[in-house]
All heavy atoms as atom14 arrays in JSON, in Angstrom:
{
  "sequence": "AAILLASIGGRLLIGGLSDRFAKKWVMTVSYFLSA",
  "atom14_mask": [
    [1, 1, 1, 1, 1, 0, 0, 0, 0, 0, 0, 0, 0, 0],
    [1, 1, 1, 1, 1, 0, 0, 0, 0, 0, 0, 0, 0, 0],
    [1, 1, 1, 1, 1, 1, 1, 1, 0, 0, 0, 0, 0, 0],
    [1, 1, 1, 1, 1, 1, 1, 1, 0, 0, 0, 0, 0, 0],
    [1, 1, 1, 1, 1, 1, 1, 1, 0, 0, 0, 0, 0, 0],
    [1, 1, 1, 1, 1, 0, 0, 0, 0, 0, 0, 0, 0, 0],
    [1, 1, 1, 1, 1, 1, 0, 0, 0, 0, 0, 0, 0, 0],
    [1, 1, 1, 1, 1, 1, 1, 1, 0, 0, 0, 0, 0, 0],
    [1, 1, 1, 1, 0, 0, 0, 0, 0, 0, 0, 0, 0, 0],
    [1, 1, 1, 1, 0, 0, 0, 0, 0, 0, 0, 0, 0, 0],
    [1, 1, 1, 1, 1, 1, 1, 1, 1, 1, 1, 0, 0, 0],
    [1, 1, 1, 1, 1, 1, 1, 1, 0, 0, 0, 0, 0, 0],
    [1, 1, 1, 1, 1, 1, 1, 1, 0, 0, 0, 0, 0, 0],
    [1, 1, 1, 1, 1, 1, 1, 1, 0, 0, 0, 0, 0, 0],
    [1, 1, 1, 1, 0, 0, 0, 0, 0, 0, 0, 0, 0, 0],
    [1, 1, 1, 1, 0, 0, 0, 0, 0, 0, 0, 0, 0, 0],
    [1, 1, 1, 1, 1, 1, 1, 1, 0, 0, 0, 0, 0, 0],
    [1, 1, 1, 1, 1, 1, 0, 0, 0, 0, 0, 0, 0, 0],
    [1, 1, 1, 1, 1, 1, 1, 1, 0, 0, 0, 0, 0, 0],
    [1, 1, 1, 1, 1, 1, 1, 1, 1, 1, 1, 0, 0, 0],
    [1, 1, 1, 1, 1, 1, 1, 1, 1, 1, 1, 0, 0, 0],
    [1, 1, 1, 1, 1, 0, 0, 0, 0, 0, 0, 0, 0, 0],
    [1, 1, 1, 1, 1, 1, 1, 1, 1, 0, 0, 0, 0, 0],
    [1, 1, 1, 1, 1, 1, 1, 1, 1, 0, 0, 0, 0, 0],
    [1, 1, 1, 1, 1, 1, 1, 1, 1, 1, 1, 1, 1, 1],
    [1, 1, 1, 1, 1, 1, 1, 0, 0, 0, 0, 0, 0, 0],
    [1, 1, 1, 1, 1, 1, 1, 1, 0, 0, 0, 0, 0, 0],
    [1, 1, 1, 1, 1, 1, 1, 0, 0, 0, 0, 0, 0, 0],
    [1, 1, 1, 1, 1, 1, 1, 0, 0, 0, 0, 0, 0, 0],
    [1, 1, 1, 1, 1, 1, 0, 0, 0, 0, 0, 0, 0, 0],
    [1, 1, 1, 1, 1, 1, 1, 1, 1, 1, 1, 1, 0, 0],
    [1, 1, 1, 1, 1, 1, 1, 1, 1, 1, 1, 0, 0, 0],
    [1, 1, 1, 1, 1, 1, 1, 1, 0, 0, 0, 0, 0, 0],
    [1, 1, 1, 1, 1, 1, 0, 0, 0, 0, 0, 0, 0, 0],
    [1, 1, 1, 1, 1, 0, 0, 0, 0, 0, 0, 0, 0, 0]
  ],
  "atom14_positions": [
    [[23.45, 67.76, 32.45], [23.27, 66.45, 33.09], [21.84, 66.29, 33.6], [21.22, 65.23, 33.42], [24.27, 66.29, 34.24], [0.0, 0.0, 0.0], [0.0, 0.0, 0.0], [0.0, 0.0, 0.0], [0.0, 0.0, 0.0], [0.0, 0.0, 0.0], [0.0, 0.0, 0.0], [0.0, 0.0, 0.0], [0.0, 0.0, 0.0], [0.0, 0.0, 0.0]],
    [[21.29, 67.34, 34.21], [19.92, 67.27, 34.72], [18.92, 67.12, 33.59], [17.96, 66.35, 33.69], [19.61, 68.51, 35.56], [0.0, 0.0, 0.0], [0.0, 0.0, 0.0], [0.0, 0.0, 0.0], [0.0, 0.0, 0.0], [0.0, 0.0, 0.0], [0.0, 0.0, 0.0], [0.0, 0.0, 0.0], [0.0, 0.0, 0.0], [0.0, 0.0, 0.0]],
    [[19.14, 67.82, 32.48], [18.24, 67.72, 31.33], [18.28, 66.31, 30.75], [17.24, 65.73, 30.41], [18.59, 68.77, 30.26], [18.17, 70.16, 30.76], [17.93, 68.46, 28.92], [18.68, 71.31, 29.91], [0.0, 0.0, 0.0], [0.0, 0.0, 0.0], [0.0, 0.0, 0.0], [0.0, 0.0, 0.0], [0.0, 0.0, 0.0], [0.0, 0.0, 0.0]],
    [[19.46, 65.73, 30.66], [19.61, 64.37, 30.12], [18.85, 63.36, 30.98], [18.05, 62.56, 30.46], [21.08, 63.98, 30.04], [21.37, 62.53, 29.66], [20.97, 62.27, 28.21], [22.82, 62.2, 29.89], [0.0, 0.0, 0.0], [0.0, 0.0, 0.0], [0.0, 0.0, 0.0], [0.0, 0.0, 0.0], [0.0, 0.0, 0.0], [0.0, 0.0, 0.0]],
    [[19.05, 63.41, 32.28], [18.39, 62.45, 33.16], [16.87, 62.65, 33.2], [16.1, 61.69, 33.15], [18.97, 62.54, 34.57], [20.43, 62.09, 34.69], [20.96, 62.38, 36.08], [20.59, 60.63, 34.33], [0.0, 0.0, 0.0], [0.0, 0.0, 0.0], [0.0, 0.0, 0.0], [0.0, 0.0, 0.0], [0.0, 0.0, 0.0], [0.0, 0.0, 0.0]],
    [[16.45, 63.91, 33.25], [15.01, 64.19, 33.27], [14.36, 63.82, 31.94], [13.22, 63.38, 31.91], [14.77, 65.66, 33.58], [0.0, 0.0, 0.0], [0.0, 0.0, 0.0], [0.0, 0.0, 0.0], [0.0, 0.0, 0.0], [0.0, 0.0, 0.0], [0.0, 0.0, 0.0], [0.0, 0.0, 0.0], [0.0, 0.0, 0.0], [0.0, 0.0, 0.0]],
    [[15.09, 63.95, 30.84], [14.57, 63.58, 29.53], [14.29, 62.08, 29.45], [13.26, 61.66, 28.92], [15.57, 63.98, 28.44], [15.14, 63.56, 27.18], [0.0, 0.0, 0.0], [0.0, 0.0, 0.0], [0.0, 0.0, 0.0], [0.0, 0.0, 0.0], [0.0, 0.0, 0.0], [0.0, 0.0, 0.0], [0.0, 0.0, 0.0], [0.0, 0.0, 0.0]],
    [[15.18, 61.29, 29.99], [14.97, 59.84, 30.03], [13.73, 59.52, 30.87], [12.87, 58.74, 30.47], [16.22, 59.12, 30.57], [17.38, 59.28, 29.58], [15.93, 57.65, 30.82], [18.73, 58.88, 30.14], [0.0, 0.0, 0.0], [0.0, 0.0, 0.0], [0.0, 0.0, 0.0], [0.0, 0.0, 0.0], [0.0, 0.0, 0.0], [0.0, 0.0, 0.0]],
    [[13.63, 60.16, 32.02], [12.46, 59.96, 32.87], [11.18, 60.42, 32.18], [10.14, 59.77, 32.29], [0.0, 0.0, 0.0], [0.0, 0.0, 0.0], [0.0, 0.0, 0.0], [0.0, 0.0, 0.0], [0.0, 0.0, 0.0], [0.0, 0.0, 0.0], [0.0, 0.0, 0.0], [0.0, 0.0, 0.0], [0.0, 0.0, 0.0], [0.0, 0.0, 0.0]],
    [[11.24, 61.53, 31.45], [10.07, 62.03, 30.73], [9.6, 61.06, 29.66], [8.4, 60.83, 29.5], [0.0, 0.0, 0.0], [0.0, 0.0, 0.0], [0.0, 0.0, 0.0], [0.0, 0.0, 0.0], [0.0, 0.0, 0.0], [0.0, 0.0, 0.0], [0.0, 0.0, 0.0], [0.0, 0.0, 0.0], [0.0, 0.0, 0.0], [0.0, 0.0, 0.0]],
    [[10.54, 60.47, 28.95], [10.16, 59.5, 27.92], [9.48, 58.29, 28.53], [8.46, 57.81, 28.03], [11.39, 59.06, 27.14], [11.94, 60.13, 26.27], [13.25, 59.73, 25.65], [13.91, 60.92, 25.14], [14.59, 60.96, 24.03], [14.72, 59.88, 23.3], [15.16, 62.06, 23.63], [0.0, 0.0, 0.0], [0.0, 0.0, 0.0], [0.0, 0.0, 0.0]],
    [[10.04, 57.78, 29.61], [9.46, 56.6, 30.24], [8.09, 56.89, 30.84], [7.14, 56.13, 30.64], [10.41, 56.07, 31.32], [11.75, 55.52, 30.82], [12.67, 55.2, 32.0], [11.54, 54.3, 29.95], [0.0, 0.0, 0.0], [0.0, 0.0, 0.0], [0.0, 0.0, 0.0], [0.0, 0.0, 0.0], [0.0, 0.0, 0.0], [0.0, 0.0, 0.0]],
    [[7.98, 57.99, 31.58], [6.72, 58.31, 32.22], [5.62, 58.65, 31.21], [4.5, 58.16, 31.31], [6.89, 59.46, 33.21], [5.66, 59.8, 34.03], [5.26, 58.63, 34.93], [5.91, 61.04, 34.87], [0.0, 0.0, 0.0], [0.0, 0.0, 0.0], [0.0, 0.0, 0.0], [0.0, 0.0, 0.0], [0.0, 0.0, 0.0], [0.0, 0.0, 0.0]],
    [[5.96, 59.43, 30.21], [4.96, 59.81, 29.2], [4.55, 58.59, 28.38], [3.38, 58.45, 28.01], [5.49, 60.95, 28.3], [5.58, 62.25, 29.09], [4.64, 61.12, 27.06], [4.26, 62.75, 29.66], [0.0, 0.0, 0.0], [0.0, 0.0, 0.0], [0.0, 0.0, 0.0], [0.0, 0.0, 0.0], [0.0, 0.0, 0.0], [0.0, 0.0, 0.0]],
    [[5.48, 57.71, 28.09], [5.12, 56.47, 27.4], [4.11, 55.66, 28.2], [3.12, 55.16, 27.66], [0.0, 0.0, 0.0], [0.0, 0.0, 0.0], [0.0, 0.0, 0.0], [0.0, 0.0, 0.0], [0.0, 0.0, 0.0], [0.0, 0.0, 0.0], [0.0, 0.0, 0.0], [0.0, 0.0, 0.0], [0.0, 0.0, 0.0], [0.0, 0.0, 0.0]],
    [[4.33, 55.55, 29.5], [3.4, 54.82, 30.35], [2.06, 55.52, 30.49], [1.01, 54.89, 30.45], [0.0, 0.0, 0.0], [0.0, 0.0, 0.0], [0.0, 0.0, 0.0], [0.0, 0.0, 0.0], [0.0, 0.0, 0.0], [0.0, 0.0, 0.0], [0.0, 0.0, 0.0], [0.0, 0.0, 0.0], [0.0, 0.0, 0.0], [0.0, 0.0, 0.0]],
    [[2.1, 56.86, 30.64], [0.85, 57.61, 30.75], [0.04, 57.57, 29.45], [-1.19, 57.57, 29.49], [1.13, 59.06, 31.15], [1.65, 59.28, 32.57], [2.02, 60.75, 32.79], [0.64, 58.82, 33.6], [0.0, 0.0, 0.0], [0.0, 0.0, 0.0], [0.0, 0.0, 0.0], [0.0, 0.0, 0.0], [0.0, 0.0, 0.0], [0.0, 0.0, 0.0]],
    [[0.73, 57.54, 28.32], [0.04, 57.48, 27.02], [-0.71, 56.16, 26.85], [-1.68, 56.1, 26.1], [1.03, 57.66, 25.88], [1.57, 58.96, 25.9], [0.0, 0.0, 0.0], [0.0, 0.0, 0.0], [0.0, 0.0, 0.0], [0.0, 0.0, 0.0], [0.0, 0.0, 0.0], [0.0, 0.0, 0.0], [0.0, 0.0, 0.0], [0.0, 0.0, 0.0]],
    [[-0.24, 55.12, 27.51], [-0.94, 53.84, 27.44], [-2.21, 53.85, 28.31], [-3.15, 53.11, 28.03], [-0.04, 52.69, 27.92], [1.08, 52.4, 26.94], [0.93, 52.77, 25.76], [2.09, 51.8, 27.36], [0.0, 0.0, 0.0], [0.0, 0.0, 0.0], [0.0, 0.0, 0.0], [0.0, 0.0, 0.0], [0.0, 0.0, 0.0], [0.0, 0.0, 0.0]],
    [[-2.23, 54.69, 29.34], [-3.35, 54.68, 30.29], [-4.38, 55.78, 30.03], [-5.54, 55.63, 30.38], [-2.81, 54.83, 31.71], [-2.05, 53.61, 32.17], [-1.55, 53.8, 33.59], [-0.78, 52.66, 34.02], [0.53, 52.52, 33.84], [1.21, 53.46, 33.22], [1.16, 51.45, 34.27], [0.0, 0.0, 0.0], [0.0, 0.0, 0.0], [0.0, 0.0, 0.0]],
    [[-3.94, 56.92, 29.49], [-4.82, 58.07, 29.31], [-4.86, 58.48, 27.85], [-4.02, 58.06, 27.05], [-4.34, 59.25, 30.17], [-4.28, 58.95, 31.63], [-3.06, 58.73, 32.26], [-5.44, 58.87, 32.39], [-2.98, 58.44, 33.61], [-5.39, 58.58, 33.74], [-4.16, 58.36, 34.36], [0.0, 0.0, 0.0], [0.0, 0.0, 0.0], [0.0, 0.0, 0.0]],
    [[-5.81, 59.34, 27.51], [-5.92, 59.86, 26.14], [-4.65, 60.65, 25.8], [-4.18, 61.47, 26.59], [-7.14, 60.75, 26.01], [0.0, 0.0, 0.0], [0.0, 0.0, 0.0], [0.0, 0.0, 0.0], [0.0, 0.0, 0.0], [0.0, 0.0, 0.0], [0.0, 0.0, 0.0], [0.0, 0.0, 0.0], [0.0, 0.0, 0.0], [0.0, 0.0, 0.0]],
    [[-4.12, 60.38, 24.62], [-2.86, 61.02, 24.22], [-2.99, 62.53, 24.13], [-2.02, 63.24, 24.39], [-2.38, 60.43, 22.9], [-1.84, 59.03, 23.06], [-1.4, 58.47, 21.72], [-1.02, 57.02, 21.83], [-2.08, 56.12, 22.27], [0.0, 0.0, 0.0], [0.0, 0.0, 0.0], [0.0, 0.0, 0.0], [0.0, 0.0, 0.0], [0.0, 0.0, 0.0]],
    [[-4.17, 63.04, 23.78], [-4.31, 64.49, 23.68], [-4.13, 65.16, 25.04], [-3.58, 66.26, 25.13], [-5.63, 64.88, 23.03], [-6.86, 64.62, 23.86], [-8.11, 65.09, 23.14], [-9.32, 64.84, 23.99], [-10.53, 65.33, 23.34], [0.0, 0.0, 0.0], [0.0, 0.0, 0.0], [0.0, 0.0, 0.0], [0.0, 0.0, 0.0], [0.0, 0.0, 0.0]],
    [[-4.58, 64.51, 26.12], [-4.4, 65.1, 27.45], [-2.96, 64.97, 27.92], [-2.42, 65.88, 28.55], [-5.36, 64.47, 28.44], [-6.78, 64.81, 28.12], [-7.75, 63.96, 27.68], [-7.37, 66.1, 28.14], [-8.92, 64.64, 27.45], [-8.71, 65.96, 27.71], [-6.91, 67.37, 28.47], [-9.58, 67.05, 27.62], [-7.79, 68.45, 28.38], [-9.1, 68.28, 27.96]],
    [[-2.34, 63.86, 27.62], [-0.93, 63.68, 27.98], [-0.09, 64.7, 27.22], [0.83, 65.31, 27.78], [-0.48, 62.23, 27.67], [1.01, 62.06, 27.92], [-1.27, 61.24, 28.51], [0.0, 0.0, 0.0], [0.0, 0.0, 0.0], [0.0, 0.0, 0.0], [0.0, 0.0, 0.0], [0.0, 0.0, 0.0], [0.0, 0.0, 0.0], [0.0, 0.0, 0.0]],
    [[-0.41, 64.92, 25.95], [0.32, 65.89, 25.14], [0.09, 67.31, 25.66], [1.04, 68.11, 25.73], [-0.12, 65.8, 23.68], [0.65, 66.71, 22.76], [0.13, 66.52, 21.05], [1.06, 65.08, 20.61], [0.0, 0.0, 0.0], [0.0, 0.0, 0.0], [0.0, 0.0, 0.0], [0.0, 0.0, 0.0], [0.0, 0.0, 0.0], [0.0, 0.0, 0.0]],
    [[-1.11, 67.62, 26.07], [-1.41, 68.95, 26.61], [-0.59, 69.22, 27.87], [0.0, 70.3, 28.01], [-2.92, 69.07, 26.92], [-3.65, 68.85, 25.72], [-3.26, 70.42, 27.5], [0.0, 0.0, 0.0], [0.0, 0.0, 0.0], [0.0, 0.0, 0.0], [0.0, 0.0, 0.0], [0.0, 0.0, 0.0], [0.0, 0.0, 0.0], [0.0, 0.0, 0.0]],
    [[-0.54, 68.26, 28.76], [0.26, 68.42, 29.98], [1.74, 68.56, 29.65], [2.44, 69.41, 30.21], [0.02, 67.23, 30.95], [1.01, 67.23, 32.09], [-1.4, 67.26, 31.46], [0.0, 0.0, 0.0], [0.0, 0.0, 0.0], [0.0, 0.0, 0.0], [0.0, 0.0, 0.0], [0.0, 0.0, 0.0], [0.0, 0.0, 0.0], [0.0, 0.0, 0.0]],
    [[2.2, 67.77, 28.71], [3.6, 67.82, 28.3], [3.96, 69.2, 27.74], [5.0, 69.77, 28.08], [3.86, 66.73, 27.26], [4.94, 67.03, 26.45], [0.0, 0.0, 0.0], [0.0, 0.0, 0.0], [0.0, 0.0, 0.0], [0.0, 0.0, 0.0], [0.0, 0.0, 0.0], [0.0, 0.0, 0.0], [0.0, 0.0, 0.0], [0.0, 0.0, 0.0]],
    [[3.12, 69.75, 26.87], [3.41, 71.06, 26.28], [3.25, 72.18, 27.3], [3.94, 73.19, 27.23], [2.55, 71.29, 25.04], [2.98, 70.43, 23.88], [2.07, 69.98, 22.95], [4.31, 70.04, 23.72], [2.46, 69.19, 21.88], [4.71, 69.24, 22.66], [3.79, 68.83, 21.75], [4.18, 68.04, 20.71], [0.0, 0.0, 0.0], [0.0, 0.0, 0.0]],
    [[2.35, 72.01, 28.26], [2.23, 72.99, 29.33], [3.51, 73.02, 30.15], [4.02, 74.1, 30.48], [1.03, 72.67, 30.22], [0.9, 73.58, 31.39], [0.44, 74.88, 31.22], [1.24, 73.15, 32.66], [0.33, 75.74, 32.31], [1.14, 74.0, 33.75], [0.68, 75.3, 33.57], [0.0, 0.0, 0.0], [0.0, 0.0, 0.0], [0.0, 0.0, 0.0]],
    [[4.06, 71.86, 30.47], [5.33, 71.81, 31.2], [6.44, 72.49, 30.41], [7.28, 73.2, 30.97], [5.73, 70.37, 31.5], [5.03, 69.7, 32.66], [5.42, 68.22, 32.73], [5.36, 70.4, 33.96], [0.0, 0.0, 0.0], [0.0, 0.0, 0.0], [0.0, 0.0, 0.0], [0.0, 0.0, 0.0], [0.0, 0.0, 0.0], [0.0, 0.0, 0.0]],
    [[6.45, 72.26, 29.11], [7.45, 72.9, 28.27], [7.3, 74.42, 28.29], [8.29, 75.15, 28.36], [7.32, 72.37, 26.84], [8.31, 72.89, 26.02], [0.0, 0.0, 0.0], [0.0, 0.0, 0.0], [0.0, 0.0, 0.0], [0.0, 0.0, 0.0], [0.0, 0.0, 0.0], [0.0, 0.0, 0.0], [0.0, 0.0, 0.0], [0.0, 0.0, 0.0]],
    [[6.07, 74.9, 28.25], [5.82, 76.35, 28.24], [6.21, 77.01, 29.56], [6.72, 78.14, 29.55], [4.37, 76.63, 27.92], [0.0, 0.0, 0.0], [0.0, 0.0, 0.0], [0.0, 0.0, 0.0], [0.0, 0.0, 0.0], [0.0, 0.0, 0.0], [0.0, 0.0, 0.0], [0.0, 0.0, 0.0], [0.0, 0.0, 0.0], [0.0, 0.0, 0.0]]
  ]
}
């Protein structure tokens, strides 16, 4: 349940951040969180 809800939040937040910042930096932060 926590993964499902956080996944929805991740999609929304990363989508918004990708519009404002360089995608390579957003992707780097995303993969760092995954690691």
